[in-house]
């Protein structure tokens, strides 16, 4: 089983990935955790791509949590048996979730399990740009799905859709 989780920041990709891992006993690669360990240079991009490819090649089944359309989405989509799951929740809900987790992490000093340990969010222009990405995500991902010819993605819009998907995985 190969599962790609795509969705806006704050949509619940990482949470769903952990639920799939627990249910199906397959490894997860959190792309944010991988990417945010780098210095974001060109050399880092090459390493990031190679690490993803290595993970996919070394594991018969996997879950990859994250978008990163410009790195290895084509490779991830090239598998015949890949399941693409797109999480689409209302933008106000995902902005709320992002703000909530940011504030929570600020006070608890704990890092998210799906994020690099050295990563620290700052409430600055970069953070506002990140919120803008989350706000405008739907329009951009719809075009990306067309560009990459994603066929028959599983769309999760609510808790019932999520539970149905998890039930499907458990069978």
C-alpha atoms as a PDB file:
ATOM      1  CA  UNK A   1       0.000   0.000   0.000  1.00  0.00           C
ATOM      2  CA  UNK A   2       1.405   3.372  -1.041  1.00  0.00           C
ATOM      3  CA  UNK A   3      -0.474   6.436   0.137  1.00  0.00           C
ATOM      4  CA  UNK A   4       0.174  10.071  -0.700  1.00  0.00           C
ATOM      5  CA  UNK A   5      -1.536  12.584   1.565  1.00  0.00           C
ATOM      6  CA  UNK A   6      -2.072  15.982  -0.026  1.00  0.00           C
ATOM      7  CA  UNK A   7      -3.761  18.955   1.542  1.00  0.00           C
ATOM      8  CA  UNK A   8      -3.397  22.453   2.796  1.00  0.00           C
ATOM      9  CA  UNK A   9      -1.319  23.247   5.837  1.00  0.00           C
ATOM     10  CA  UNK A  10      -3.604  22.672   8.803  1.00  0.00           C
ATOM     11  CA  UNK A  11      -5.829  20.190   6.962  1.00  0.00           C
ATOM     12  CA  UNK A  12      -4.852  17.208   9.116  1.00  0.00           C
ATOM     13  CA  UNK A  13      -2.412  15.336   6.842  1.00  0.00           C
ATOM     14  CA  UNK A  14       0.028  14.467   9.593  1.00  0.00           C
ATOM     15  CA  UNK A  15      -2.672  13.374  11.999  1.00  0.00           C
ATOM     16  CA  UNK A  16      -4.187  11.123   9.336  1.00  0.00           C
ATOM     17  CA  UNK A  17      -0.731   9.758   8.473  1.00  0.00           C
ATOM     18  CA  UNK A  18      -0.173   8.732  12.088  1.00  0.00           C
ATOM     19  CA  UNK A  19      -3.599   7.056  12.201  1.00  0.00           C
ATOM     20  CA  UNK A  20      -2.794   5.115   9.004  1.00  0.00           C
ATOM     21  CA  UNK A  21       0.608   4.114  10.390  1.00  0.00           C
ATOM     22  CA  UNK A  22      -0.981   2.765  13.549  1.00  0.00           C
ATOM     23  CA  UNK A  23      -3.800   0.997  11.725  1.00  0.00           C
ATOM     24  CA  UNK A  24      -1.854  -0.494   8.799  1.00  0.00           C
ATOM     25  CA  UNK A  25       1.600  -0.758  10.379  1.00  0.00           C
ATOM     26  CA  UNK A  26       3.338   0.997   7.483  1.00  0.00           C
ATOM     27  CA  UNK A  27       6.082   3.624   7.706  1.00  0.00           C
ATOM     28  CA  UNK A  28       5.471   7.355   7.287  1.00  0.00           C
ATOM     29  CA  UNK A  29       7.652   9.973   5.735  1.00  0.00           C
ATOM     30  CA  UNK A  30       6.690  13.458   6.932  1.00  0.00           C
ATOM     31  CA  UNK A  31       8.072  15.732   4.225  1.00  0.00           C
ATOM     32  CA  UNK A  32       8.021  18.786   6.506  1.00  0.00           C
ATOM     33  CA  UNK A  33      10.162  16.955   9.026  1.00  0.00           C
ATOM     34  CA  UNK A  34      12.654  16.121   6.303  1.00  0.00           C
ATOM     35  CA  UNK A  35      12.689  19.509   4.559  1.00  0.00           C
ATOM     36  CA  UNK A  36      12.947  21.629   7.682  1.00  0.00           C
ATOM     37  CA  UNK A  37      16.149  19.901   8.743  1.00  0.00           C
ATOM     38  CA  UNK A  38      17.883  21.554   5.781  1.00  0.00           C
ATOM     39  CA  UNK A  39      19.228  25.016   5.038  1.00  0.00           C
ATOM     40  CA  UNK A  40      16.794  25.275   2.048  1.00  0.00           C
ATOM     41  CA  UNK A  41      19.670  25.562  -0.455  1.00  0.00           C
ATOM     42  CA  UNK A  42      19.946  23.956  -3.892  1.00  0.00           C
ATOM     43  CA  UNK A  43      22.094  21.267  -2.329  1.00  0.00           C
ATOM     44  CA  UNK A  44      19.349  20.705   0.238  1.00  0.00           C
ATOM     45  CA  UNK A  45      16.783  20.250  -2.526  1.00  0.00           C
ATOM     46  CA  UNK A  46      18.899  17.505  -4.099  1.00  0.00           C
ATOM     47  CA  UNK A  47      19.251  15.779  -0.722  1.00  0.00           C
ATOM     48  CA  UNK A  48      15.506  16.151  -0.053  1.00  0.00           C
ATOM     49  CA  UNK A  49      14.631  14.478  -3.352  1.00  0.00           C
ATOM     50  CA  UNK A  50      17.139  11.656  -2.818  1.00  0.00           C
ATOM     51  CA  UNK A  51      15.866  10.973   0.698  1.00  0.00           C
ATOM     52  CA  UNK A  52      12.299  10.676  -0.561  1.00  0.00           C
ATOM     53  CA  UNK A  53      13.328   8.352  -3.363  1.00  0.00           C
ATOM     54  CA  UNK A  54      15.354   6.256  -0.930  1.00  0.00           C
ATOM     55  CA  UNK A  55      12.348   5.966   1.413  1.00  0.00           C
ATOM     56  CA  UNK A  56      10.033   4.905  -1.432  1.00  0.00           C
ATOM     57  CA  UNK A  57      12.555   2.393  -2.795  1.00  0.00           C
ATOM     58  CA  UNK A  58      13.334   0.848   0.603  1.00  0.00           C
ATOM     59  CA  UNK A  59       9.724   0.340   1.676  1.00  0.00           C
ATOM     60  CA  UNK A  60       7.158  -1.827  -0.062  1.00  0.00           C
ATOM     61  CA  UNK A  61       4.338   0.103   1.597  1.00  0.00           C
ATOM     62  CA  UNK A  62       4.430   3.687   2.796  1.00  0.00           C
ATOM     63  CA  UNK A  63       2.579   6.866   3.646  1.00  0.00           C
ATOM     64  CA  UNK A  64       4.011  10.173   2.520  1.00  0.00           C
ATOM     65  CA  UNK A  65       2.594  13.190   4.278  1.00  0.00           C
ATOM     66  CA  UNK A  66       3.062  16.438   2.407  1.00  0.00           C
ATOM     67  CA  UNK A  67       2.677  18.251  -0.838  1.00  0.00           C
ATOM     68  CA  UNK A  68       6.015  19.503  -2.190  1.00  0.00           C
ATOM     69  CA  UNK A  69       4.740  19.336  -5.747  1.00  0.00           C
ATOM     70  CA  UNK A  70       8.014  20.587  -7.193  1.00  0.00           C
ATOM     71  CA  UNK A  71      10.212  17.846  -5.747  1.00  0.00           C
ATOM     72  CA  UNK A  72       9.062  14.241  -6.141  1.00  0.00           C
ATOM     73  CA  UNK A  73       5.336  14.316  -6.784  1.00  0.00           C
ATOM     74  CA  UNK A  74       5.866  12.798 -10.232  1.00  0.00           C
ATOM     75  CA  UNK A  75       7.896   9.948  -8.753  1.00  0.00           C
ATOM     76  CA  UNK A  76       5.303   9.398  -6.017  1.00  0.00           C
ATOM     77  CA  UNK A  77       2.494   9.341  -8.570  1.00  0.00           C
ATOM     78  CA  UNK A  78       4.355   6.953 -10.881  1.00  0.00           C
ATOM     79  CA  UNK A  79       3.534   3.885  -8.780  1.00  0.00           C
ATOM     80  CA  UNK A  80       0.660   1.834 -10.212  1.00  0.00           C
ATOM     81  CA  UNK A  81      -0.836   1.066  -6.823  1.00  0.00           C
ATOM     82  CA  UNK A  82      -0.557   4.522  -5.266  1.00  0.00           C
ATOM     83  CA  UNK A  83      -3.553   5.918  -3.422  1.00  0.00           C
ATOM     84  CA  UNK A  84      -3.820   9.702  -3.518  1.00  0.00           C
ATOM     85  CA  UNK A  85      -5.782  11.184  -0.627  1.00  0.00           C
ATOM     86  CA  UNK A  86      -6.682  14.853  -0.831  1.00  0.00           C
ATOM     87  CA  UNK A  87      -7.860  16.491   2.361  1.00  0.00           C
ATOM     88  CA  UNK A  88     -10.124  19.452   1.672  1.00  0.00           C
ATOM     89  CA  UNK A  89     -11.414  21.290   4.700  1.00  0.00           C
ATOM     90  CA  UNK A  90     -12.766  24.835   4.845  1.00  0.00           C
ATOM     91  CA  UNK A  91     -10.088  27.506   4.839  1.00  0.00           C
ATOM     92  CA  UNK A  92     -11.274  29.130   8.059  1.00  0.00           C
ATOM     93  CA  UNK A  93     -10.898  25.773   9.830  1.00  0.00           C
ATOM     94  CA  UNK A  94      -7.354  25.183   8.599  1.00  0.00           C
ATOM     95  CA  UNK A  95      -6.255  28.732   9.490  1.00  0.00           C
ATOM     96  CA  UNK A  96      -7.692  28.194  12.962  1.00  0.00           C
ATOM     97  CA  UNK A  97      -5.808  24.889  13.274  1.00  0.00           C
ATOM     98  CA  UNK A  98      -2.518  26.465  12.176  1.00  0.00           C
ATOM     99  CA  UNK A  99      -2.871  29.325  14.643  1.00  0.00           C
ATOM    100  CA  UNK A 100      -3.920  26.950  17.424  1.00  0.00           C
ATOM    101  CA  UNK A 101      -0.958  24.605  16.923  1.00  0.00           C
ATOM    102  CA  UNK A 102       1.447  27.547  16.652  1.00  0.00           C
ATOM    103  CA  UNK A 103       0.252  29.044  19.924  1.00  0.00           C
ATOM    104  CA  UNK A 104       0.225  25.621  21.583  1.00  0.00           C
ATOM    105  CA  UNK A 105       3.825  24.947  20.520  1.00  0.00           C
ATOM    106  CA  UNK A 106       4.891  28.399  21.635  1.00  0.00           C
ATOM    107  CA  UNK A 107       3.712  27.765  25.177  1.00  0.00           C
ATOM    108  CA  UNK A 108       4.520  24.072  25.497  1.00  0.00           C
ATOM    109  CA  UNK A 109       7.934  24.298  23.834  1.00  0.00           C
ATOM    110  CA  UNK A 110       7.286  20.819  22.423  1.00  0.00           C
ATOM    111  CA  UNK A 111       7.835  20.256  18.759  1.00  0.00           C
ATOM    112  CA  UNK A 112       5.277  18.620  16.523  1.00  0.00           C
ATOM    113  CA  UNK A 113       6.020  14.929  15.872  1.00  0.00           C
ATOM    114  CA  UNK A 114       5.828  15.587  12.132  1.00  0.00           C
ATOM    115  CA  UNK A 115       8.257  18.518  12.185  1.00  0.00           C
ATOM    116  CA  UNK A 116      12.025  18.765  12.415  1.00  0.00           C
ATOM    117  CA  UNK A 117      13.215  19.234  15.982  1.00  0.00           C
ATOM    118  CA  UNK A 118      15.238  22.322  15.045  1.00  0.00           C
ATOM    119  CA  UNK A 119      12.246  24.070  13.434  1.00  0.00           C
ATOM    120  CA  UNK A 120      10.727  27.014  15.237  1.00  0.00           C
ATOM    121  CA  UNK A 121       7.802  29.057  13.980  1.00  0.00           C
ATOM    122  CA  UNK A 122       8.108  32.787  14.315  1.00  0.00           C
ATOM    123  CA  UNK A 123       5.209  35.165  14.016  1.00  0.00           C
ATOM    124  CA  UNK A 124       6.759  37.197  11.214  1.00  0.00           C
ATOM    125  CA  UNK A 125       6.243  37.981   7.513  1.00  0.00           C
ATOM    126  CA  UNK A 126       7.225  34.431   6.581  1.00  0.00           C
ATOM    127  CA  UNK A 127       4.526  33.110   8.903  1.00  0.00           C
ATOM    128  CA  UNK A 128       1.955  35.432   7.314  1.00  0.00           C
ATOM    129  CA  UNK A 129       3.033  34.175   3.882  1.00  0.00           C
ATOM    130  CA  UNK A 130       2.503  30.629   5.153  1.00  0.00           C
ATOM    131  CA  UNK A 131      -1.026  31.530   6.298  1.00  0.00           C
ATOM    132  CA  UNK A 132      -1.665  33.008   2.848  1.00  0.00           C
ATOM    133  CA  UNK A 133      -0.605  29.715   1.263  1.00  0.00           C
ATOM    134  CA  UNK A 134      -3.094  27.902   3.479  1.00  0.00           C
ATOM    135  CA  UNK A 135      -5.822  30.420   2.622  1.00  0.00           C
ATOM    136  CA  UNK A 136      -5.324  30.191  -1.175  1.00  0.00           C
ATOM    137  CA  UNK A 137      -4.445  26.504  -1.272  1.00  0.00           C
ATOM    138  CA  UNK A 138      -7.643  25.157  -2.855  1.00  0.00           C
ATOM    139  CA  UNK A 139      -7.271  27.047  -6.128  1.00  0.00           C
ATOM    140  CA  UNK A 140      -3.635  26.075  -6.499  1.00  0.00           C
ATOM    141  CA  UNK A 141      -3.986  22.384  -5.666  1.00  0.00           C
ATOM    142  CA  UNK A 142      -6.916  21.937  -8.048  1.00  0.00           C
ATOM    143  CA  UNK A 143      -4.680  23.113 -10.881  1.00  0.00           C
ATOM    144  CA  UNK A 144      -1.780  20.936  -9.692  1.00  0.00           C
ATOM    145  CA  UNK A 145      -4.012  17.864  -9.666  1.00  0.00           C
ATOM    146  CA  UNK A 146      -4.921  18.592 -13.290  1.00  0.00           C
ATOM    147  CA  UNK A 147      -1.296  19.322 -14.229  1.00  0.00           C
ATOM    148  CA  UNK A 148      -0.114  16.001 -12.798  1.00  0.00           C
ATOM    149  CA  UNK A 149      -3.132  14.090 -14.143  1.00  0.00           C
ATOM    150  CA  UNK A 150      -4.081  12.669 -10.746  1.00  0.00           C
ATOM    151  CA  UNK A 151      -6.781  10.114 -11.394  1.00  0.00           C
ATOM    152  CA  UNK A 152      -9.488   9.165  -8.887  1.00  0.00           C
ATOM    153  CA  UNK A 153      -8.118  10.751  -5.740  1.00  0.00           C
ATOM    154  CA  UNK A 154      -9.901   9.981  -2.506  1.00  0.00           C
ATOM    155  CA  UNK A 155     -11.326  13.255  -1.230  1.00  0.00           C
ATOM    156  CA  UNK A 156     -11.727  13.735   2.503  1.00  0.00           C
ATOM    157  CA  UNK A 157     -13.895  16.693   3.449  1.00  0.00           C
ATOM    158  CA  UNK A 158     -15.123  15.744   6.905  1.00  0.00           C
ATOM    159  CA  UNK A 159     -14.852  13.273   9.775  1.00  0.00           C
ATOM    160  CA  UNK A 160     -17.209  10.781   8.128  1.00  0.00           C
ATOM    161  CA  UNK A 161     -15.065  10.711   4.961  1.00  0.00           C
ATOM    162  CA  UNK A 162     -11.983  10.182   7.118  1.00  0.00           C
ATOM    163  CA  UNK A 163     -13.591   7.315   9.038  1.00  0.00           C
ATOM    164  CA  UNK A 164     -14.727   5.679   5.781  1.00  0.00           C
ATOM    165  CA  UNK A 165     -11.194   5.911   4.424  1.00  0.00           C
ATOM    166  CA  UNK A 166      -9.682   4.440   7.590  1.00  0.00           C
ATOM    167  CA  UNK A 167     -12.235   1.606   7.480  1.00  0.00           C
ATOM    168  CA  UNK A 168     -11.219   0.928   3.876  1.00  0.00           C
ATOM    169  CA  UNK A 169      -7.543   0.811   4.926  1.00  0.00           C
ATOM    170  CA  UNK A 170      -8.237  -1.583   7.781  1.00  0.00           C
ATOM    171  CA  UNK A 171      -9.826  -4.074   5.374  1.00  0.00           C
END
